[in-house]
PDB file of N, CA and C in Angstrom:
ATOM      1  N   MET A   1      33.437  12.628  12.749  1.00  0.00           N
ATOM      2  CA  MET A   1      33.489  11.503  11.965  1.00  0.00           C
ATOM      3  C   MET A   1      32.639  11.695  10.721  1.00  0.00           C
ATOM      4  N   ASN A   2      33.215  11.565   9.607  1.00  0.00           N
ATOM      5  CA  ASN A   2      32.376  11.743   8.257  1.00  0.00           C
ATOM      6  C   ASN A   2      32.407  10.447   7.503  1.00  0.00           C
ATOM      7  N   MET A   3      31.362   9.689   7.818  1.00  0.00           N
ATOM      8  CA  MET A   3      31.107   8.292   7.149  1.00  0.00           C
ATOM      9  C   MET A   3      29.819   8.162   6.604  1.00  0.00           C
ATOM     10  N   VAL A   4      29.696   7.647   5.417  1.00  0.00           N
ATOM     11  CA  VAL A   4      28.389   7.305   4.822  1.00  0.00           C
ATOM     12  C   VAL A   4      28.372   5.902   4.258  1.00  0.00           C
ATOM     13  N   ALA A   5      27.298   5.199   4.303  1.00  0.00           N
ATOM     14  CA  ALA A   5      27.065   3.886   3.644  1.00  0.00           C
ATOM     15  C   ALA A   5      25.780   3.798   3.107  1.00  0.00           C
ATOM     16  N   MET A   6      25.548   3.342   1.898  1.00  0.00           N
ATOM     17  CA  MET A   6      24.186   3.466   1.177  1.00  0.00           C
ATOM     18  C   MET A   6      24.105   2.397   0.201  1.00  0.00           C
ATOM     19  N   ILE A   7      22.916   1.716   0.027  1.00  0.00           N
ATOM     20  CA  ILE A   7      22.761   0.793  -0.888  1.00  0.00           C
ATOM     21  C   ILE A   7      21.593   1.348  -1.915  1.00  0.00           C
ATOM     22  N   GLY A   8      21.895   1.309  -3.184  1.00  0.00           N
ATOM     23  CA  GLY A   8      20.950   1.738  -4.215  1.00  0.00           C
ATOM     24  C   GLY A   8      21.248   1.191  -5.559  1.00  0.00           C
ATOM     25  N   ASN A   9      20.517   1.905  -6.415  1.00  0.00           N
ATOM     26  CA  ASN A   9      20.796   1.616  -7.921  1.00  0.00           C
ATOM     27  C   ASN A   9      21.493   2.710  -8.613  1.00  0.00           C
ATOM     28  N   VAL A  10      22.457   2.447  -9.554  1.00  0.00           N
ATOM     29  CA  VAL A  10      23.098   3.333 -10.354  1.00  0.00           C
ATOM     30  C   VAL A  10      22.015   4.017 -11.284  1.00  0.00           C
ATOM     31  N   ALA A  11      22.051   5.402 -11.235  1.00  0.00           N
ATOM     32  CA  ALA A  11      20.999   6.029 -11.881  1.00  0.00           C
ATOM     33  C   ALA A  11      21.346   6.661 -13.238  1.00  0.00           C
ATOM     34  N   THR A  12      22.675   6.846 -13.410  1.00  0.00           N
ATOM     35  CA  THR A  12      23.212   7.333 -14.595  1.00  0.00           C
ATOM     36  C   THR A  12      24.598   6.539 -14.921  1.00  0.00           C
ATOM     37  N   ASP A  13      24.772   6.397 -16.201  1.00  0.00           N
ATOM     38  CA  ASP A  13      25.879   5.459 -16.692  1.00  0.00           C
ATOM     39  C   ASP A  13      27.237   6.285 -16.018  1.00  0.00           C
ATOM     40  N   PRO A  14      28.198   5.585 -15.702  1.00  0.00           N
ATOM     41  CA  PRO A  14      29.517   6.204 -15.075  1.00  0.00           C
ATOM     42  C   PRO A  14      30.192   7.002 -16.194  1.00  0.00           C
ATOM     43  N   VAL A  15      30.748   8.187 -15.940  1.00  0.00           N
ATOM     44  CA  VAL A  15      31.682   8.918 -16.699  1.00  0.00           C
ATOM     45  C   VAL A  15      32.979   8.958 -16.082  1.00  0.00           C
ATOM     46  N   VAL A  16      33.983   8.501 -16.923  1.00  0.00           N
ATOM     47  CA  VAL A  16      35.410   8.583 -16.338  1.00  0.00           C
ATOM     48  C   VAL A  16      36.137   9.778 -17.076  1.00  0.00           C
ATOM     49  N   GLU A  17      36.799  10.509 -16.279  1.00  0.00           N
ATOM     50  CA  GLU A  17      37.776  11.461 -16.788  1.00  0.00           C
ATOM     51  C   GLU A  17      39.114  11.242 -16.224  1.00  0.00           C
ATOM     52  N   HIS A  18      40.114  11.770 -16.877  1.00  0.00           N
ATOM     53  CA  HIS A  18      41.546  11.609 -16.209  1.00  0.00           C
ATOM     54  C   HIS A  18      42.048  12.955 -16.064  1.00  0.00           C
ATOM     55  N   THR A  19      42.837  13.087 -14.883  1.00  0.00           N
ATOM     56  CA  THR A  19      43.410  14.309 -14.757  1.00  0.00           C
ATOM     57  C   THR A  19      44.640  14.315 -15.391  1.00  0.00           C
ATOM     58  N   PRO A  20      45.318  15.552 -15.720  1.00  0.00           N
ATOM     59  CA  PRO A  20      46.667  15.680 -16.366  1.00  0.00           C
ATOM     60  C   PRO A  20      47.658  14.550 -16.042  1.00  0.00           C
ATOM     61  N   SER A  21      47.751  14.315 -14.638  1.00  0.00           N
ATOM     62  CA  SER A  21      48.684  13.304 -14.180  1.00  0.00           C
ATOM     63  C   SER A  21      48.313  11.809 -14.503  1.00  0.00           C
ATOM     64  N   GLY A  22      46.932  11.665 -15.050  1.00  0.00           N
ATOM     65  CA  GLY A  22      46.496  10.247 -15.260  1.00  0.00           C
ATOM     66  C   GLY A  22      45.726   9.604 -14.369  1.00  0.00           C
ATOM     67  N   LYS A  23      45.296  10.311 -13.245  1.00  0.00           N
ATOM     68  CA  LYS A  23      44.490   9.838 -12.062  1.00  0.00           C
ATOM     69  C   LYS A  23      43.075   9.791 -12.752  1.00  0.00           C
ATOM     70  N   ALA A  24      42.408   8.613 -12.696  1.00  0.00           N
ATOM     71  CA  ALA A  24      41.115   8.368 -13.133  1.00  0.00           C
ATOM     72  C   ALA A  24      39.991   8.846 -11.981  1.00  0.00           C
ATOM     73  N   ILE A  25      38.989   9.630 -12.591  1.00  0.00           N
ATOM     74  CA  ILE A  25      37.928  10.028 -11.680  1.00  0.00           C
ATOM     75  C   ILE A  25      36.671   9.685 -12.437  1.00  0.00           C
ATOM     76  N   CYS A  26      35.922   8.786 -11.789  1.00  0.00           N
ATOM     77  CA  CYS A  26      34.735   8.190 -12.188  1.00  0.00           C
ATOM     78  C   CYS A  26      33.501   8.781 -11.343  1.00  0.00           C
ATOM     79  N   THR A  27      32.570   9.323 -12.107  1.00  0.00           N
ATOM     80  CA  THR A  27      31.386  10.006 -11.410  1.00  0.00           C
ATOM     81  C   THR A  27      30.106   9.300 -11.980  1.00  0.00           C
ATOM     82  N   PHE A  28      28.992   9.122 -11.103  1.00  0.00           N
ATOM     83  CA  PHE A  28      27.720   8.582 -11.512  1.00  0.00           C
ATOM     84  C   PHE A  28      26.729   8.974 -10.506  1.00  0.00           C
ATOM     85  N   ARG A  29      25.560   8.799 -10.587  1.00  0.00           N
ATOM     86  CA  ARG A  29      24.518   9.120  -9.769  1.00  0.00           C
ATOM     87  C   ARG A  29      23.942   7.873  -9.014  1.00  0.00           C
ATOM     88  N   LEU A  30      23.671   7.862  -7.837  1.00  0.00           N
ATOM     89  CA  LEU A  30      23.088   6.790  -7.103  1.00  0.00           C
ATOM     90  C   LEU A  30      21.750   6.970  -6.703  1.00  0.00           C
ATOM     91  N   ALA A  31      20.730   6.262  -6.989  1.00  0.00           N
ATOM     92  CA  ALA A  31      19.386   6.380  -6.568  1.00  0.00           C
ATOM     93  C   ALA A  31      19.068   5.467  -5.193  1.00  0.00           C
ATOM     94  N   VAL A  32      18.791   6.041  -4.085  1.00  0.00           N
ATOM     95  CA  VAL A  32      18.647   5.277  -2.876  1.00  0.00           C
ATOM     96  C   VAL A  32      17.059   5.435  -2.500  1.00  0.00           C
ATOM     97  N   SER A  33      16.439   4.374  -2.316  1.00  0.00           N
ATOM     98  CA  SER A  33      15.013   4.375  -2.096  1.00  0.00           C
ATOM     99  C   SER A  33      14.706   4.819  -0.715  1.00  0.00           C
ATOM    100  N   ARG A  34      13.663   5.604  -0.382  1.00  0.00           N
ATOM    101  CA  ARG A  34      13.218   6.045   0.837  1.00  0.00           C
ATOM    102  C   ARG A  34      12.368   4.981   1.527  1.00  0.00           C
ATOM    103  N   PRO A  35      12.092   4.932   2.848  1.00  0.00           N
ATOM    104  CA  PRO A  35      11.180   3.961   3.269  1.00  0.00           C
ATOM    105  C   PRO A  35       9.878   4.033   2.650  1.00  0.00           C
ATOM    106  N   GLY A  36       9.431   2.790   2.383  1.00  0.00           N
ATOM    107  CA  GLY A  36       8.167   2.657   1.687  1.00  0.00           C
ATOM    108  C   GLY A  36       8.428   2.531   0.218  1.00  0.00           C
ATOM    109  N   GLY A  37       9.592   2.790  -0.328  1.00  0.00           N
ATOM    110  CA  GLY A  37      10.003   2.511  -1.675  1.00  0.00           C
ATOM    111  C   GLY A  37       9.477   3.191  -2.769  1.00  0.00           C
ATOM    112  N   GLU A  38       8.527   4.250  -2.574  1.00  0.00           N
ATOM    113  CA  GLU A  38       7.790   4.963  -3.569  1.00  0.00           C
ATOM    114  C   GLU A  38       8.639   6.132  -4.039  1.00  0.00           C
ATOM    115  N   GLN A  39       9.589   6.607  -3.374  1.00  0.00           N
ATOM    116  CA  GLN A  39      10.339   7.792  -3.660  1.00  0.00           C
ATOM    117  C   GLN A  39      11.881   7.413  -3.432  1.00  0.00           C
ATOM    118  N   ALA A  40      12.782   8.262  -4.184  1.00  0.00           N
ATOM    119  CA  ALA A  40      14.218   7.985  -3.953  1.00  0.00           C
ATOM    120  C   ALA A  40      14.873   9.243  -3.778  1.00  0.00           C
ATOM    121  N   ASP A  41      16.079   9.283  -3.215  1.00  0.00           N
ATOM    122  CA  ASP A  41      17.109  10.397  -3.151  1.00  0.00           C
ATOM    123  C   ASP A  41      18.118   9.974  -4.215  1.00  0.00           C
ATOM    124  N   PHE A  42      18.751  11.072  -4.612  1.00  0.00           N
ATOM    125  CA  PHE A  42      19.833  10.984  -5.644  1.00  0.00           C
ATOM    126  C   PHE A  42      20.996  11.531  -5.129  1.00  0.00           C
ATOM    127  N   PHE A  43      22.185  10.873  -5.319  1.00  0.00           N
ATOM    128  CA  PHE A  43      23.417  11.373  -4.832  1.00  0.00           C
ATOM    129  C   PHE A  43      24.489  11.165  -5.876  1.00  0.00           C
ATOM    130  N   THR A  44      25.415  12.170  -6.083  1.00  0.00           N
ATOM    131  CA  THR A  44      26.587  11.875  -6.965  1.00  0.00           C
ATOM    132  C   THR A  44      27.635  11.127  -6.224  1.00  0.00           C
ATOM    133  N   VAL A  45      28.242  10.201  -6.832  1.00  0.00           N
ATOM    134  CA  VAL A  45      29.354   9.541  -6.304  1.00  0.00           C
ATOM    135  C   VAL A  45      30.604   9.653  -7.204  1.00  0.00           C
ATOM    136  N   ALA A  46      31.688   9.728  -6.597  1.00  0.00           N
ATOM    137  CA  ALA A  46      33.004   9.821  -7.155  1.00  0.00           C
ATOM    138  C   ALA A  46      33.790   8.892  -6.790  1.00  0.00           C
ATOM    139  N   ALA A  47      34.495   8.058  -7.591  1.00  0.00           N
ATOM    140  CA  ALA A  47      35.480   6.964  -7.358  1.00  0.00           C
ATOM    141  C   ALA A  47      36.625   7.286  -8.082  1.00  0.00           C
ATOM    142  N   PHE A  48      37.888   7.139  -7.426  1.00  0.00           N
ATOM    143  CA  PHE A  48      39.168   7.445  -7.876  1.00  0.00           C
ATOM    144  C   PHE A  48      40.027   6.211  -8.284  1.00  0.00           C
ATOM    145  N   ASP A  49      40.904   6.429  -9.244  1.00  0.00           N
ATOM    146  CA  ASP A  49      42.016   5.599  -9.467  1.00  0.00           C
ATOM    147  C   ASP A  49      41.527   4.286 -10.057  1.00  0.00           C
ATOM    148  N   ARG A  50      42.015   3.244  -9.538  1.00  0.00           N
ATOM    149  CA  ARG A  50      41.638   1.826  -9.975  1.00  0.00           C
ATOM    150  C   ARG A  50      40.155   1.602  -9.724  1.00  0.00           C
ATOM    151  N   GLN A  51      39.807   2.039  -8.519  1.00  0.00           N
ATOM    152  CA  GLN A  51      38.241   1.790  -8.258  1.00  0.00           C
ATOM    153  C   GLN A  51      37.424   2.575  -9.210  1.00  0.00           C
ATOM    154  N   GLY A  52      37.872   3.652  -9.711  1.00  0.00           N
ATOM    155  CA  GLY A  52      36.934   4.475 -10.654  1.00  0.00           C
ATOM    156  C   GLY A  52      37.042   3.640 -12.050  1.00  0.00           C
ATOM    157  N   GLU A  53      38.113   3.178 -12.362  1.00  0.00           N
ATOM    158  CA  GLU A  53      38.167   2.462 -13.612  1.00  0.00           C
ATOM    159  C   GLU A  53      37.297   1.193 -13.741  1.00  0.00           C
ATOM    160  N   VAL A  54      37.317   0.478 -12.520  1.00  0.00           N
ATOM    161  CA  VAL A  54      36.594  -0.562 -12.407  1.00  0.00           C
ATOM    162  C   VAL A  54      35.086  -0.213 -12.561  1.00  0.00           C
ATOM    163  N   CYS A  55      34.641   0.731 -11.852  1.00  0.00           N
ATOM    164  CA  CYS A  55      33.205   1.157 -11.737  1.00  0.00           C
ATOM    165  C   CYS A  55      32.887   1.578 -13.154  1.00  0.00           C
ATOM    166  N   ALA A  56      33.732   2.212 -13.915  1.00  0.00           N
ATOM    167  CA  ALA A  56      33.410   2.669 -15.326  1.00  0.00           C
ATOM    168  C   ALA A  56      33.181   1.475 -16.098  1.00  0.00           C
ATOM    169  N   ALA A  57      34.071   0.347 -15.905  1.00  0.00           N
ATOM    170  CA  ALA A  57      34.041  -0.828 -16.795  1.00  0.00           C
ATOM    171  C   ALA A  57      32.678  -1.560 -16.556  1.00  0.00           C
ATOM    172  N   TYR A  58      32.377  -1.594 -15.292  1.00  0.00           N
ATOM    173  CA  TYR A  58      31.313  -2.690 -14.926  1.00  0.00           C
ATOM    174  C   TYR A  58      29.954  -2.136 -14.522  1.00  0.00           C
ATOM    175  N   LEU A  59      29.798  -0.836 -14.164  1.00  0.00           N
ATOM    176  CA  LEU A  59      28.569  -0.337 -13.751  1.00  0.00           C
ATOM    177  C   LEU A  59      27.863   0.281 -14.895  1.00  0.00           C
ATOM    178  N   GLN A  60      26.386   0.241 -14.778  1.00  0.00           N
ATOM    179  CA  GLN A  60      25.789   0.890 -15.720  1.00  0.00           C
ATOM    180  C   GLN A  60      24.353   1.069 -15.024  1.00  0.00           C
ATOM    181  N   THR A  61      23.491   2.051 -15.745  1.00  0.00           N
ATOM    182  CA  THR A  61      22.183   2.418 -15.164  1.00  0.00           C
ATOM    183  C   THR A  61      21.575   1.160 -14.729  1.00  0.00           C
ATOM    184  N   GLY A  62      20.848   1.180 -13.508  1.00  0.00           N
ATOM    185  CA  GLY A  62      19.972   0.196 -13.025  1.00  0.00           C
ATOM    186  C   GLY A  62      20.648  -0.823 -12.087  1.00  0.00           C
ATOM    187  N   ARG A  63      22.192  -0.955 -12.147  1.00  0.00           N
ATOM    188  CA  ARG A  63      22.932  -2.033 -11.443  1.00  0.00           C
ATOM    189  C   ARG A  63      22.827  -1.497  -9.812  1.00  0.00           C
ATOM    190  N   ARG A  64      22.636  -2.687  -9.017  1.00  0.00           N
ATOM    191  CA  ARG A  64      22.540  -2.546  -7.656  1.00  0.00           C
ATOM    192  C   ARG A  64      23.948  -2.580  -6.920  1.00  0.00           C
ATOM    193  N   ILE A  65      24.149  -1.391  -6.111  1.00  0.00           N
ATOM    194  CA  ILE A  65      25.525  -1.445  -5.565  1.00  0.00           C
ATOM    195  C   ILE A  65      25.488  -1.003  -4.089  1.00  0.00           C
ATOM    196  N   GLY A  66      26.534  -1.243  -3.422  1.00  0.00           N
ATOM    197  CA  GLY A  66      26.642  -0.589  -2.064  1.00  0.00           C
ATOM    198  C   GLY A  66      27.800   0.331  -2.174  1.00  0.00           C
ATOM    199  N   VAL A  67      27.691   1.496  -1.450  1.00  0.00           N
ATOM    200  CA  VAL A  67      28.759   2.407  -1.495  1.00  0.00           C
ATOM    201  C   VAL A  67      29.140   2.852  -0.129  1.00  0.00           C
ATOM    202  N   GLU A  68      30.335   2.862   0.312  1.00  0.00           N
ATOM    203  CA  GLU A  68      30.783   3.376   1.465  1.00  0.00           C
ATOM    204  C   GLU A  68      31.897   4.467   1.403  1.00  0.00           C
ATOM    205  N   GLY A  69      31.837   5.544   1.981  1.00  0.00           N
ATOM    206  CA  GLY A  69      32.698   6.689   1.697  1.00  0.00           C
ATOM    207  C   GLY A  69      32.479   7.978   2.743  1.00  0.00           C
ATOM    208  N   ARG A  70      32.822   8.917   2.205  1.00  0.00           N
ATOM    209  CA  ARG A  70      32.586  10.280   3.096  1.00  0.00           C
ATOM    210  C   ARG A  70      31.830  11.314   2.096  1.00  0.00           C
ATOM    211  N   LEU A  71      31.266  12.112   2.805  1.00  0.00           N
ATOM    212  CA  LEU A  71      30.602  13.241   2.113  1.00  0.00           C
ATOM    213  C   LEU A  71      31.568  14.390   1.907  1.00  0.00           C
ATOM    214  N   HIS A  72      31.536  15.047   0.707  1.00  0.00           N
ATOM    215  CA  HIS A  72      32.404  16.110   0.383  1.00  0.00           C
ATOM    216  C   HIS A  72      31.545  17.151  -0.009  1.00  0.00           C
ATOM    217  N   HIS A  73      31.684  18.480   0.473  1.00  0.00           N
ATOM    218  CA  HIS A  73      30.902  19.652   0.212  1.00  0.00           C
ATOM    219  C   HIS A  73      31.948  20.600  -0.591  1.00  0.00           C
ATOM    220  N   SER A  74      31.361  21.140  -1.773  1.00  0.00           N
ATOM    221  CA  SER A  74      32.108  22.205  -2.422  1.00  0.00           C
ATOM    222  C   SER A  74      31.181  23.247  -2.897  1.00  0.00           C
ATOM    223  N   SER A  75      31.793  24.404  -2.945  1.00  0.00           N
ATOM    224  CA  SER A  75      31.094  25.516  -3.527  1.00  0.00           C
ATOM    225  C   SER A  75      31.751  26.134  -4.672  1.00  0.00           C
ATOM    226  N   PHE A  76      30.968  26.692  -5.670  1.00  0.00           N
ATOM    227  CA  PHE A  76      31.459  27.255  -6.789  1.00  0.00           C
ATOM    228  C   PHE A  76      30.628  28.199  -7.370  1.00  0.00           C
ATOM    229  N   GLU A  77      31.028  28.954  -8.498  1.00  0.00           N
ATOM    230  CA  GLU A  77      30.317  30.133  -9.010  1.00  0.00           C
ATOM    231  C   GLU A  77      30.129  29.727 -10.489  1.00  0.00           C
ATOM    232  N   THR A  78      28.802  29.867 -10.978  1.00  0.00           N
ATOM    233  CA  THR A  78      28.587  29.454 -12.247  1.00  0.00           C
ATOM    234  C   THR A  78      29.057  30.570 -13.351  1.00  0.00           C
ATOM    235  N   ALA A  79      29.003  30.401 -14.568  1.00  0.00           N
ATOM    236  CA  ALA A  79      29.374  31.342 -15.626  1.00  0.00           C
ATOM    237  C   ALA A  79      28.571  32.657 -15.477  1.00  0.00           C
ATOM    238  N   ASP A  80      27.259  32.367 -14.839  1.00  0.00           N
ATOM    239  CA  ASP A  80      26.473  33.714 -14.789  1.00  0.00           C
ATOM    240  C   ASP A  80      26.794  34.478 -13.464  1.00  0.00           C
ATOM    241  N   GLY A  81      27.640  33.868 -12.768  1.00  0.00           N
ATOM    242  CA  GLY A  81      27.994  34.643 -11.366  1.00  0.00           C
ATOM    243  C   GLY A  81      27.243  34.067 -10.241  1.00  0.00           C
ATOM    244  N   GLU A  82      26.453  33.002 -10.390  1.00  0.00           N
ATOM    245  CA  GLU A  82      25.696  32.590  -9.248  1.00  0.00           C
ATOM    246  C   GLU A  82      26.513  31.587  -8.492  1.00  0.00           C
ATOM    247  N   SER A  83      26.398  31.806  -7.046  1.00  0.00           N
ATOM    248  CA  SER A  83      26.963  30.920  -6.197  1.00  0.00           C
ATOM    249  C   SER A  83      26.101  29.600  -6.039  1.00  0.00           C
ATOM    250  N   ARG A  84      26.825  28.474  -6.104  1.00  0.00           N
ATOM    251  CA  ARG A  84      26.231  27.135  -5.893  1.00  0.00           C
ATOM    252  C   ARG A  84      27.052  26.286  -5.001  1.00  0.00           C
ATOM    253  N   SER A  85      26.428  25.250  -4.453  1.00  0.00           N
ATOM    254  CA  SER A  85      27.082  24.351  -3.730  1.00  0.00           C
ATOM    255  C   SER A  85      26.531  22.949  -4.017  1.00  0.00           C
ATOM    256  N   ARG A  86      27.358  21.919  -3.607  1.00  0.00           N
ATOM    257  CA  ARG A  86      26.869  20.550  -3.830  1.00  0.00           C
ATOM    258  C   ARG A  86      27.665  19.786  -2.802  1.00  0.00           C
ATOM    259  N   VAL A  87      27.044  18.523  -2.556  1.00  0.00           N
ATOM    260  CA  VAL A  87      27.508  17.406  -1.691  1.00  0.00           C
ATOM    261  C   VAL A  87      27.511  16.192  -2.436  1.00  0.00           C
ATOM    262  N   GLU A  88      28.677  15.604  -2.572  1.00  0.00           N
ATOM    263  CA  GLU A  88      28.904  14.283  -3.075  1.00  0.00           C
ATOM    264  C   GLU A  88      29.524  13.325  -2.265  1.00  0.00           C
ATOM    265  N   ILE A  89      29.306  11.966  -2.478  1.00  0.00           N
ATOM    266  CA  ILE A  89      29.940  10.880  -1.879  1.00  0.00           C
ATOM    267  C   ILE A  89      31.215  10.697  -2.675  1.00  0.00           C
ATOM    268  N   VAL A  90      32.373  10.682  -1.789  1.00  0.00           N
ATOM    269  CA  VAL A  90      33.761  10.169  -2.126  1.00  0.00           C
ATOM    270  C   VAL A  90      33.791   8.848  -1.787  1.00  0.00           C
ATOM    271  N   ALA A  91      33.754   7.859  -2.764  1.00  0.00           N
ATOM    272  CA  ALA A  91      33.650   6.345  -2.299  1.00  0.00           C
ATOM    273  C   ALA A  91      35.087   5.867  -1.910  1.00  0.00           C
ATOM    274  N   SER A  92      35.024   5.185  -0.853  1.00  0.00           N
ATOM    275  CA  SER A  92      36.310   4.498  -0.340  1.00  0.00           C
ATOM    276  C   SER A  92      36.075   2.970  -0.703  1.00  0.00           C
ATOM    277  N   ARG A  93      34.775   2.628  -0.977  1.00  0.00           N
ATOM    278  CA  ARG A  93      34.527   1.163  -1.342  1.00  0.00           C
ATOM    279  C   ARG A  93      33.225   1.114  -2.005  1.00  0.00           C
ATOM    280  N   VAL A  94      33.263   0.455  -3.287  1.00  0.00           N
ATOM    281  CA  VAL A  94      31.936   0.179  -3.949  1.00  0.00           C
ATOM    282  C   VAL A  94      31.854  -1.371  -4.124  1.00  0.00           C
ATOM    283  N   GLN A  95      30.716  -1.714  -3.660  1.00  0.00           N
ATOM    284  CA  GLN A  95      30.434  -3.319  -3.662  1.00  0.00           C
ATOM    285  C   GLN A  95      29.402  -3.478  -4.710  1.00  0.00           C
ATOM    286  N   PHE A  96      29.608  -4.446  -5.803  1.00  0.00           N
ATOM    287  CA  PHE A  96      28.694  -4.830  -6.773  1.00  0.00           C
ATOM    288  C   PHE A  96      27.803  -5.873  -6.121  1.00  0.00           C
ATOM    289  N   LEU A  97      26.512  -5.597  -6.247  1.00  0.00           N
ATOM    290  CA  LEU A  97      25.588  -6.597  -5.581  1.00  0.00           C
ATOM    291  C   LEU A  97      24.674  -7.220  -6.820  1.00  0.00           C
ATOM    292  N   GLY A  98      24.223  -8.429  -6.534  1.00  0.00           N
ATOM    293  CA  GLY A  98      23.460  -9.003  -7.649  1.00  0.00           C
ATOM    294  C   GLY A  98      24.369  -9.755  -8.761  1.00  0.00           C
ATOM    295  N   ALA A  99      23.595  -9.825  -9.858  1.00  0.00           N
ATOM    296  CA  ALA A  99      24.131 -10.536 -11.107  1.00  0.00           C
ATOM    297  C   ALA A  99      25.599  -9.969 -11.544  1.00  0.00           C
ATOM    298  N   ASN A 100      26.475 -10.778 -11.922  1.00  0.00           N
ATOM    299  CA  ASN A 100      27.807 -10.260 -12.414  1.00  0.00           C
ATOM    300  C   ASN A 100      28.760  -9.938 -11.362  1.00  0.00           C
ATOM    301  N   SER A 101      28.351  -9.836 -10.112  1.00  0.00           N
ATOM    302  CA  SER A 101      29.250  -9.264  -9.118  1.00  0.00           C
ATOM    303  C   SER A 101      30.361 -10.273  -8.811  1.00  0.00           C
ATOM    304  N   ALA A 102      30.270 -11.480  -8.958  1.00  0.00           N
ATOM    305  CA  ALA A 102      31.425 -12.402  -8.788  1.00  0.00           C
ATOM    306  C   ALA A 102      32.339 -12.321  -9.783  1.00  0.00           C
ATOM    307  N   ARG A 103      31.787 -12.047 -11.053  1.00  0.00           N
ATOM    308  CA  ARG A 103      32.718 -11.907 -12.202  1.00  0.00           C
ATOM    309  C   ARG A 103      33.698 -10.601 -11.936  1.00  0.00           C
ATOM    310  N   ALA A 104      33.154  -9.610 -11.520  1.00  0.00           N
ATOM    311  CA  ALA A 104      33.954  -8.384 -11.260  1.00  0.00           C
ATOM    312  C   ALA A 104      34.909  -8.549 -10.196  1.00  0.00           C
ATOM    313  N   ALA A 105      34.520  -9.328  -9.062  1.00  0.00           N
ATOM    314  CA  ALA A 105      35.288  -9.425  -8.004  1.00  0.00           C
ATOM    315  C   ALA A 105      36.431 -10.314  -8.375  1.00  0.00           C
ATOM    316  N   ALA A 106      36.066 -11.422  -9.089  1.00  0.00           N
ATOM    317  CA  ALA A 106      37.200 -12.426  -9.510  1.00  0.00           C
ATOM    318  C   ALA A 106      38.234 -11.744 -10.434  1.00  0.00           C
ATOM    319  N   GLU A 107      37.706 -10.799 -11.259  1.00  0.00           N
ATOM    320  CA  GLU A 107      38.819 -10.158 -12.250  1.00  0.00           C
ATOM    321  C   GLU A 107      39.606  -8.950 -11.527  1.00  0.00           C
ATOM    322  N   PHE A 108      38.897  -8.241 -10.706  1.00  0.00           N
ATOM    323  CA  PHE A 108      39.630  -6.937 -10.052  1.00  0.00           C
ATOM    324  C   PHE A 108      39.737  -7.154  -8.637  1.00  0.00           C
ATOM    325  N   GLY A 109      39.242  -8.289  -7.916  1.00  0.00           N
ATOM    326  CA  GLY A 109      39.482  -8.219  -6.525  1.00  0.00           C
ATOM    327  C   GLY A 109      38.510  -7.341  -5.702  1.00  0.00           C
ATOM    328  N   GLU A 110      39.089  -6.887  -4.629  1.00  0.00           N
ATOM    329  CA  GLU A 110      38.432  -5.964  -3.702  1.00  0.00           C
ATOM    330  C   GLU A 110      38.357  -4.585  -4.482  1.00  0.00           C
ATOM    331  N   VAL A 111      37.223  -4.029  -4.586  1.00  0.00           N
ATOM    332  CA  VAL A 111      37.090  -2.729  -5.254  1.00  0.00           C
ATOM    333  C   VAL A 111      36.946  -1.566  -4.161  1.00  0.00           C
ATOM    334  N   SER A 112      38.056  -1.337  -3.517  1.00  0.00           N
ATOM    335  CA  SER A 112      38.227  -0.237  -2.606  1.00  0.00           C
ATOM    336  C   SER A 112      39.337   0.774  -2.884  1.00  0.00           C
ATOM    337  N   ALA A 113      39.061   1.726  -2.256  1.00  0.00           N
ATOM    338  CA  ALA A 113      40.177   2.730  -2.222  1.00  0.00           C
ATOM    339  C   ALA A 113      41.301   2.560  -1.395  1.00  0.00           C
TER     340      ALA A 113
END
């Protein structure tokens, strides 16, 4: 089973790109506090299609959100020939928490994949 659920703050403004077929892909970083609250872990989140468009429209650095999804591991080679890998969260649901969450929910409804 590959499931993850996290609550944290958006650490970078979302960036949305479109595939040649028009599919939206929104990526941003999520800061999740460690126990004690003095340190945080940072994760890249990818949201697709309508959910990605909603995230791009409403999320900004500092916004508190909940993310449910799965972990995705990928490997790649840099231009210098070095092998790299990364793990990101592919969001199946993004829940806006705090101020303005009701406005986004009213305008777009459920923000799930």
